[in-house]
Protein backbone atom coordinates (compact mmCIF):
# COMPACT_ATOMS: atom_id res chain seq x y z
CA MET A 1 26.45 -3.39 -36.32
CA ARG A 2 28.63 -0.36 -36.53
CA ASP A 3 27.56 2.13 -39.32
CA ALA A 4 29.39 5.14 -40.46
CA VAL A 5 26.94 8.46 -40.84
CA ILE A 6 27.55 12.03 -41.95
CA VAL A 7 26.74 14.62 -39.53
CA ASP A 8 27.59 17.77 -42.35
CA ALA A 9 29.94 19.01 -44.96
CA VAL A 10 30.89 22.21 -45.67
CA ARG A 11 33.02 23.96 -48.71
CA THR A 12 34.48 27.06 -49.27
CA PRO A 13 33.55 29.03 -51.66
CA VAL A 14 35.79 28.11 -55.08
CA GLY A 15 38.16 30.97 -56.55
CA LYS A 16 40.48 30.61 -59.66
CA GLY A 17 43.88 29.53 -58.78
CA LYS A 18 45.90 32.49 -60.17
CA ALA A 19 47.59 35.68 -59.27
CA GLY A 20 44.48 38.15 -58.60
CA GLY A 21 41.72 34.71 -57.95
CA ALA A 22 39.85 35.54 -54.95
CA LEU A 23 41.16 33.31 -52.89
CA ALA A 24 45.00 33.73 -54.23
CA GLY A 25 45.69 36.01 -50.96
CA VAL A 26 44.85 33.33 -48.21
CA HIS A 27 47.76 30.61 -47.21
CA PRO A 28 46.32 27.13 -48.46
CA VAL A 29 47.07 26.39 -44.63
CA ASP A 30 44.29 28.64 -43.56
CA LEU A 31 41.70 28.28 -46.07
CA HIS A 32 41.80 24.13 -45.23
CA ALA A 33 41.68 25.88 -41.85
CA HIS A 34 38.62 28.08 -42.54
CA ALA A 35 36.72 24.67 -43.78
CA ILE A 36 37.79 22.66 -40.80
CA ARG A 37 36.82 24.97 -37.92
CA ALA A 38 33.65 26.10 -40.08
CA LEU A 39 32.15 22.08 -39.65
CA VAL A 40 33.24 21.95 -35.87
CA GLU A 41 30.98 25.18 -35.61
CA ARG A 42 28.36 24.39 -37.28
CA THR A 43 27.97 21.03 -36.02
CA GLY A 44 28.90 21.99 -32.39
CA ILE A 45 31.00 19.17 -31.73
CA ASP A 46 33.84 18.90 -28.79
CA GLY A 47 36.85 19.68 -30.86
CA SER A 48 38.59 16.83 -27.83
CA ARG A 49 36.05 14.40 -29.16
CA ILE A 50 37.84 14.65 -32.67
CA ASP A 51 39.99 10.99 -32.97
CA ASP A 52 41.38 12.27 -36.24
CA VAL A 53 41.73 14.07 -39.47
CA ILE A 54 42.45 13.01 -42.43
CA SER A 55 43.38 15.48 -45.27
CA GLY A 56 43.53 15.08 -49.08
CA ALA A 57 45.90 17.36 -51.00
CA VAL A 58 47.73 16.71 -54.18
CA GLY A 59 50.23 19.16 -54.57
CA GLN A 60 52.22 18.22 -51.30
CA ILE A 61 55.16 20.72 -51.49
CA GLY A 62 55.68 23.92 -50.76
CA GLU A 63 52.78 25.40 -48.55
CA GLN A 64 51.03 22.08 -48.88
CA SER A 65 54.26 20.30 -47.40
CA GLY A 66 55.30 19.19 -44.10
CA ASN A 67 51.67 16.94 -43.31
CA THR A 68 49.53 20.04 -44.31
CA ALA A 69 46.35 18.55 -42.22
CA ARG A 70 48.30 19.09 -38.94
CA TRP A 71 48.73 22.71 -40.01
CA ALA A 72 45.96 23.23 -40.93
CA ALA A 73 44.00 21.38 -37.78
CA LEU A 74 45.73 23.68 -35.29
CA ALA A 75 45.01 26.76 -37.36
CA ALA A 76 41.28 25.94 -37.18
CA GLY A 77 41.83 25.93 -33.21
CA LEU A 78 41.37 22.34 -32.45
CA PRO A 79 43.36 21.17 -29.23
CA GLU A 80 47.05 19.54 -29.40
CA SER A 81 45.97 16.63 -29.39
CA VAL A 82 44.10 15.92 -32.01
CA PRO A 83 46.00 13.48 -34.57
CA ALA A 84 45.81 15.12 -38.57
CA VAL A 85 47.10 12.88 -41.84
CA THR A 86 47.66 13.94 -45.54
CA VAL A 87 46.80 11.67 -47.89
CA ASP A 88 47.40 11.25 -52.15
CA ARG A 89 45.04 9.98 -54.21
CA GLN A 90 45.35 12.64 -56.34
CA CYS A 91 42.40 14.13 -57.76
CA GLY A 92 40.32 11.31 -55.42
CA SER A 93 42.54 12.45 -52.65
CA SER A 94 39.48 13.97 -49.91
CA GLN A 95 37.44 11.10 -51.14
CA GLN A 96 39.80 8.94 -50.25
CA ALA A 97 39.79 10.67 -46.63
CA ILE A 98 36.43 10.21 -46.41
CA HIS A 99 36.88 6.53 -47.50
CA PHE A 100 39.52 5.84 -44.59
CA ALA A 101 37.69 8.19 -41.78
CA ALA A 102 34.36 6.26 -42.74
CA GLN A 103 36.05 2.50 -42.54
CA GLY A 104 38.42 3.87 -39.34
CA VAL A 105 35.00 4.32 -37.69
CA LEU A 106 33.31 0.70 -39.10
CA ALA A 107 36.09 -0.94 -37.39
CA GLY A 108 35.81 0.57 -34.09
CA ALA A 109 39.17 3.09 -34.78
CA TYR A 110 37.47 6.02 -34.26
CA ASP A 111 34.05 7.52 -32.99
CA VAL A 112 34.15 11.05 -34.67
CA VAL A 113 36.79 11.89 -37.36
CA ILE A 114 36.92 14.99 -39.60
CA ALA A 115 37.87 13.86 -43.79
CA SER A 116 38.85 17.10 -45.05
CA GLY A 117 41.09 18.60 -48.33
CA ILE A 118 43.10 21.37 -49.86
CA GLU A 119 44.01 22.60 -53.08
CA SER A 120 45.48 26.10 -53.55
CA MET A 121 46.52 26.33 -57.27
CA SER A 122 47.07 30.00 -57.12
CA HIS A 123 50.14 29.07 -54.54
CA VAL A 124 50.95 25.29 -55.31
CA PRO A 125 50.64 25.30 -59.32
CA ILE A 126 49.69 21.55 -60.78
CA GLY A 127 52.11 19.03 -61.14
CA SER A 128 54.86 21.26 -58.85
CA GLN A 129 55.73 17.81 -56.81
CA ALA A 130 56.91 16.85 -60.23
CA ALA A 131 58.75 19.29 -61.97
CA GLY A 132 61.75 17.89 -62.92
CA ARG A 133 61.97 14.99 -61.20
CA ASP A 134 61.32 11.61 -62.73
CA PHE A 135 59.24 10.24 -59.79
CA LEU A 136 58.30 7.24 -62.49
CA GLY A 137 61.41 5.71 -62.60
CA PRO A 138 63.13 2.59 -65.11
CA GLU A 139 60.91 -0.06 -64.16
CA ILE A 140 57.59 1.91 -65.27
CA SER A 141 59.23 2.84 -68.65
CA ALA A 142 59.99 -0.87 -69.17
CA ARG A 143 56.50 -2.00 -68.52
CA TYR A 144 55.16 1.03 -70.40
CA PRO A 145 57.94 1.45 -73.65
CA GLU A 146 55.69 3.96 -75.44
CA GLY A 147 55.15 5.98 -72.60
CA LEU A 148 52.54 7.77 -70.47
CA VAL A 149 50.89 11.18 -71.70
CA PRO A 150 49.25 14.04 -69.54
CA GLN A 151 45.50 13.58 -68.46
CA GLY A 152 44.82 16.23 -71.44
CA ILE A 153 46.00 13.72 -73.83
CA SER A 154 43.98 10.84 -72.46
CA ALA A 155 41.29 13.26 -72.47
CA GLU A 156 41.61 13.53 -75.98
CA LEU A 157 42.06 9.46 -76.48
CA ILE A 158 38.78 9.03 -74.67
CA ALA A 159 36.99 11.23 -76.49
CA ASP A 160 38.15 9.71 -79.36
CA ARG A 161 37.08 5.96 -78.47
CA TRP A 162 33.77 6.74 -77.63
CA HIS A 163 33.32 8.76 -80.61
CA LEU A 164 33.03 11.88 -79.03
CA SER A 165 32.29 15.03 -81.19
CA ARG A 166 33.83 18.95 -80.40
CA THR A 167 30.03 19.95 -80.62
CA GLN A 168 29.03 17.34 -77.62
CA LEU A 169 31.70 18.43 -75.33
CA ASP A 170 31.10 21.59 -75.98
CA GLU A 171 27.38 21.37 -75.12
CA PHE A 172 28.13 19.69 -71.91
CA ALA A 173 30.53 22.35 -70.28
CA ALA A 174 27.36 25.00 -71.49
CA GLU A 175 24.95 23.04 -69.43
CA SER A 176 27.49 23.01 -66.68
CA HIS A 177 27.82 26.36 -66.38
CA ARG A 178 23.85 26.53 -66.51
CA ARG A 179 23.48 24.55 -64.12
CA ALA A 180 25.54 25.71 -61.70
CA ALA A 181 24.42 29.62 -62.26
CA SER A 182 20.72 28.22 -61.58
CA ALA A 183 21.67 26.81 -58.36
CA TRP A 184 23.50 29.60 -57.04
CA ALA A 185 20.39 32.01 -58.67
CA GLU A 186 18.07 29.33 -56.51
CA GLY A 187 19.99 29.30 -53.34
CA ARG A 188 20.81 25.73 -53.59
CA PHE A 189 24.47 25.94 -52.65
CA ALA A 190 23.29 28.35 -49.76
CA ARG A 191 24.01 24.64 -46.59
CA ASP A 192 27.32 23.81 -48.78
CA VAL A 193 29.05 26.88 -48.81
CA VAL A 194 31.03 29.13 -45.82
CA PRO A 195 32.09 32.06 -46.72
CA LEU A 196 35.12 34.10 -45.43
CA LYS A 197 37.50 37.06 -46.06
CA ALA A 198 40.29 37.66 -48.20
CA PRO A 199 42.36 39.87 -49.21
CA GLY A 200 41.59 41.85 -52.44
CA LYS A 201 43.64 43.56 -55.26
CA ASP A 202 44.04 47.06 -53.46
CA GLY A 203 44.96 44.80 -50.08
CA GLU A 204 41.71 45.37 -48.07
CA LEU A 205 39.78 42.09 -46.97
CA VAL A 206 36.68 41.27 -49.05
CA GLN A 207 33.80 38.95 -48.44
CA VAL A 208 34.11 35.82 -50.68
CA ASN A 209 30.77 34.59 -51.01
CA ARG A 210 30.60 32.56 -54.80
CA ASP A 211 32.22 30.64 -56.90
CA GLU A 212 34.52 32.73 -59.35
CA SER A 213 34.98 30.32 -62.06
CA ILE A 214 30.89 29.78 -63.29
CA ARG A 215 30.31 31.71 -65.96
CA PRO A 216 26.25 32.39 -66.79
CA GLY A 217 26.26 33.15 -69.85
CA THR A 218 28.13 30.64 -71.77
CA THR A 219 27.12 28.96 -74.56
CA THR A 220 27.85 26.18 -77.14
CA ASP A 221 28.84 28.88 -79.53
CA VAL A 222 31.19 30.63 -77.05
CA LEU A 223 33.13 27.43 -76.56
CA ALA A 224 33.58 26.80 -80.06
CA GLY A 225 35.70 29.75 -80.66
CA LEU A 226 38.45 28.21 -78.21
CA LYS A 227 41.03 26.06 -79.37
CA PRO A 228 42.30 22.91 -78.89
CA ALA A 229 44.20 23.33 -75.13
CA PHE A 230 46.75 19.96 -76.26
CA GLU A 231 47.44 19.80 -79.65
CA ALA A 232 50.85 19.91 -80.89
CA ASP A 233 53.61 18.15 -82.96
CA ILE A 234 54.94 15.26 -80.66
CA TRP A 235 51.12 14.13 -79.82
CA HIS A 236 50.34 14.46 -83.41
CA GLU A 237 53.00 11.94 -84.61
CA ARG A 238 52.24 9.97 -81.80
CA PHE A 239 48.37 9.65 -82.04
CA PRO A 240 47.70 10.54 -85.94
CA GLN A 241 43.93 9.45 -85.14
CA LEU A 242 43.20 12.25 -82.95
CA ASP A 243 41.02 15.28 -84.12
CA PHE A 244 42.16 17.51 -81.06
CA LYS A 245 38.73 18.71 -79.51
CA VAL A 246 39.88 19.35 -75.46
CA THR A 247 40.21 22.48 -74.56
CA ALA A 248 40.40 24.98 -71.56
CA GLY A 249 36.37 25.66 -72.20
CA ASN A 250 35.11 21.82 -71.96
CA SER A 251 37.93 20.99 -69.14
CA SER A 252 38.09 22.07 -65.38
CA PRO A 253 39.49 25.18 -64.79
CA ILE A 254 42.62 25.56 -61.97
CA ASN A 255 41.28 26.71 -58.67
CA ASP A 256 41.98 27.27 -54.93
CA GLY A 257 39.20 25.48 -52.34
CA ALA A 258 38.55 23.50 -49.08
CA SER A 259 36.30 21.23 -47.85
CA ALA A 260 35.60 19.15 -44.73
CA VAL A 261 33.27 16.17 -43.92
CA LEU A 262 32.01 15.51 -40.17
CA ILE A 263 32.18 11.78 -39.97
CA THR A 264 31.13 9.34 -36.61
CA SER A 265 29.41 6.23 -35.65
CA GLY A 266 25.11 6.43 -35.77
CA ASP A 267 25.90 5.03 -32.13
CA THR A 268 28.07 8.55 -31.33
CA ALA A 269 26.08 10.46 -33.36
CA ARG A 270 22.97 9.49 -31.12
CA GLN A 271 24.67 10.05 -27.92
CA LEU A 272 26.42 13.41 -28.82
CA GLY A 273 23.01 15.04 -30.22
CA LEU A 274 23.70 15.19 -33.75
CA THR A 275 21.52 14.61 -36.69
CA PRO A 276 23.31 12.58 -39.12
CA ARG A 277 22.49 13.64 -42.76
CA ALA A 278 23.50 10.33 -44.66
CA ARG A 279 24.82 7.13 -44.18
CA LEU A 280 28.13 5.95 -46.10
CA HIS A 281 26.67 2.66 -47.26
CA SER A 282 29.86 1.76 -49.92
CA PHE A 283 32.78 1.71 -51.30
CA ALA A 284 35.81 1.48 -54.10
CA VAL A 285 38.34 1.99 -55.58
CA VAL A 286 39.77 0.43 -58.71
CA GLY A 287 42.82 0.59 -60.79
CA ASP A 288 42.53 0.96 -64.93
CA ASP A 289 44.45 1.69 -68.09
CA PRO A 290 47.33 4.70 -67.07
CA LEU A 291 47.05 5.71 -70.56
CA PHE A 292 43.16 6.56 -70.44
CA MET A 293 44.14 7.03 -66.96
CA LEU A 294 40.62 8.64 -66.54
CA THR A 295 38.03 5.56 -67.42
CA GLY A 296 38.34 4.03 -64.06
CA ILE A 297 35.23 5.49 -63.20
CA ILE A 298 33.57 3.33 -65.48
CA PRO A 299 34.93 -0.21 -63.51
CA ALA A 300 34.79 1.72 -60.47
CA THR A 301 31.01 2.75 -60.63
CA ALA A 302 30.23 -1.08 -61.59
CA LYS A 303 32.06 -2.21 -58.02
CA VAL A 304 30.50 0.16 -55.53
CA LEU A 305 26.98 -0.97 -56.99
CA ASP A 306 27.96 -4.56 -56.77
CA ARG A 307 29.23 -4.18 -53.22
CA ALA A 308 26.32 -2.22 -52.27
CA GLY A 309 23.81 -4.54 -53.83
CA LEU A 310 22.25 -1.73 -55.88
CA SER A 311 20.74 -0.99 -59.55
CA LEU A 312 21.71 1.89 -61.44
CA ALA A 313 18.53 2.78 -61.13
CA ASP A 314 18.20 3.08 -57.97
CA ILE A 315 20.56 5.81 -57.35
CA ASP A 316 19.14 9.05 -57.13
CA ALA A 317 21.67 11.35 -57.91
CA PHE A 318 25.17 11.18 -59.05
CA GLU A 319 28.36 13.49 -58.66
CA VAL A 320 30.60 12.79 -61.68
CA ASN A 321 33.94 14.87 -61.72
CA GLU A 322 33.99 16.83 -64.77
CA ALA A 323 37.90 16.66 -64.73
CA PHE A 324 36.93 16.76 -68.34
CA ALA A 325 33.68 16.43 -70.30
CA SER A 326 34.67 13.54 -72.38
CA VAL A 327 35.33 11.58 -69.35
CA VAL A 328 31.78 12.19 -67.96
CA LEU A 329 30.25 11.68 -71.19
CA ALA A 330 32.19 8.15 -71.69
CA TRP A 331 30.75 7.13 -68.78
CA LEU A 332 27.56 7.87 -69.65
CA ALA A 333 27.89 6.10 -72.35
CA GLU A 334 28.95 3.29 -70.59
CA THR A 335 26.59 3.24 -67.79
CA GLY A 336 23.69 4.54 -69.31
CA ALA A 337 23.08 6.46 -66.26
CA ASP A 338 20.02 9.32 -66.81
CA PRO A 339 22.33 12.43 -67.70
CA ALA A 340 19.20 14.73 -65.65
CA LYS A 341 20.24 12.73 -62.65
CA VAL A 342 24.41 13.73 -62.79
CA ASN A 343 25.90 16.91 -61.42
CA VAL A 344 22.43 17.98 -61.19
CA ASN A 345 23.81 21.53 -60.00
CA GLY A 346 26.31 21.91 -62.12
CA GLY A 347 30.03 20.01 -62.16
CA ALA A 348 33.80 20.88 -61.98
CA THR A 349 33.81 22.55 -65.65
CA ALA A 350 31.71 25.13 -64.12
CA ILE A 351 32.41 25.17 -60.15
CA GLY A 352 36.23 24.01 -60.56
CA HIS A 353 38.70 21.48 -59.59
CA PRO A 354 40.57 22.33 -56.43
CA LEU A 355 42.33 18.22 -56.87
CA GLY A 356 43.01 17.53 -53.42
CA ALA A 357 39.22 19.38 -51.94
CA SER A 358 37.60 17.86 -55.05
CA GLY A 359 36.13 14.63 -53.34
CA GLY A 360 34.96 16.68 -50.34
CA ARG A 361 33.20 19.62 -52.29
CA LEU A 362 31.49 16.30 -54.44
CA MET A 363 29.78 14.92 -51.27
CA THR A 364 28.84 18.04 -49.93
CA THR A 365 27.15 18.90 -53.22
CA LEU A 366 25.67 15.45 -53.26
CA LEU A 367 24.24 15.40 -50.10
CA SER A 368 22.60 18.68 -51.00
CA VAL A 369 21.16 17.58 -54.24
CA LEU A 370 19.66 13.96 -52.53
CA GLU A 371 17.91 16.60 -49.93
CA GLN A 372 16.62 19.11 -52.30
CA ARG A 373 15.23 16.05 -54.26
CA GLU A 374 13.93 14.01 -51.51
CA GLY A 375 16.17 11.40 -52.98
CA ARG A 376 17.77 8.47 -50.81
CA TYR A 377 20.62 6.86 -52.50
CA GLY A 378 23.70 8.97 -54.29
CA LEU A 379 26.82 7.94 -56.13
CA GLN A 380 30.11 9.98 -56.21
CA VAL A 381 32.63 9.06 -58.67
CA MET A 382 36.23 10.08 -59.28
CA CYS A 383 38.61 10.42 -62.24
CA GLU A 384 42.53 10.03 -60.30
CA ALA A 385 45.73 10.59 -62.28
CA GLY A 386 47.73 7.18 -63.03
CA GLY A 387 44.78 5.31 -64.00
CA LEU A 388 42.71 5.23 -60.57
CA ALA A 389 39.36 5.80 -59.32
CA ASN A 390 37.16 6.27 -56.31
CA ALA A 391 33.40 5.59 -55.87
CA THR A 392 31.04 6.00 -52.80
CA ILE A 393 27.52 5.70 -52.24
CA VAL A 394 25.63 7.17 -49.57
CA GLU A 395 22.02 7.02 -48.06
CA ARG A 396 20.26 10.03 -47.39
CA LEU A 397 18.96 9.80 -43.46
């Protein structure tokens, strides 16, 4: 019976996704290529053995358009014979790429695959692909006559439904920064991150080694001074019950970054002399209420555990994407998971959320956390626009 294993996983440092950010001077294709190239070099895999490159990207427009995976694979120096495809499962795009890659290996369609992700939000601002376009159509308007909402309002609705206070949101965010800063200080990201050189403010190349959005000095008191980010009359009128509390501080920032994961069958890894880090155990993807949008991680967690034949107590480490603090806190309330096992090295609130790359970033982090804690099972789950969620369980080898 075939299995699918992760040989290795890498990510770039995560830069601020705006002009002047550490990676803003790097073209998205080149940033993506850096992660792929570093993965190939580190594993020593012969590029001609790669059956496909499956990549996630959300903003598939401008510099991330035209099947950006293909151009990143070529820019990374892979043979022209290696195909590539770009997928869009919104924020879960590279996690979905991992699923597709593993499923292809399990089915016997692939032996060696790279699953990767890219998002350069300094080059392709969030929502660029939908800006000025009616991408929903009249049938969606008929099904949801009251209208859907931006993700920030979904995060507010979640905070209201689960009775989360502003203090709880800010405390969670401050802890994310504390954990991420501690992880960097103690060298726990050393295996994950592949540094690169990028143009600095004066045009000279500078080495980018660390995540740019982490603020070691962040405290609950500092975060309490920020104004709600999504408060507006239109939302007051539609949702009079809301006490707006979602801020830039208790949400993920805007970022640039890339990630890459090498997936093979166990037999192929042995034949090539590779030592896998983990087995891809179980997968799930769900749809959920598109108004609340970000709550799909709750049924996705239940579904993947059921498929795996495992319980919450069997999981040694969780990576739950911190798109908004309210999302993870609602998930904790519903699942009863131990917060000490969740986002051990900090989450997206601090590290950042380069959309299409985040699934691969979380997987890279999860593998290291399992190794650092000598755990067996890890569970990764990602909320996604439109009321979707991916969940993945891996087993450390």
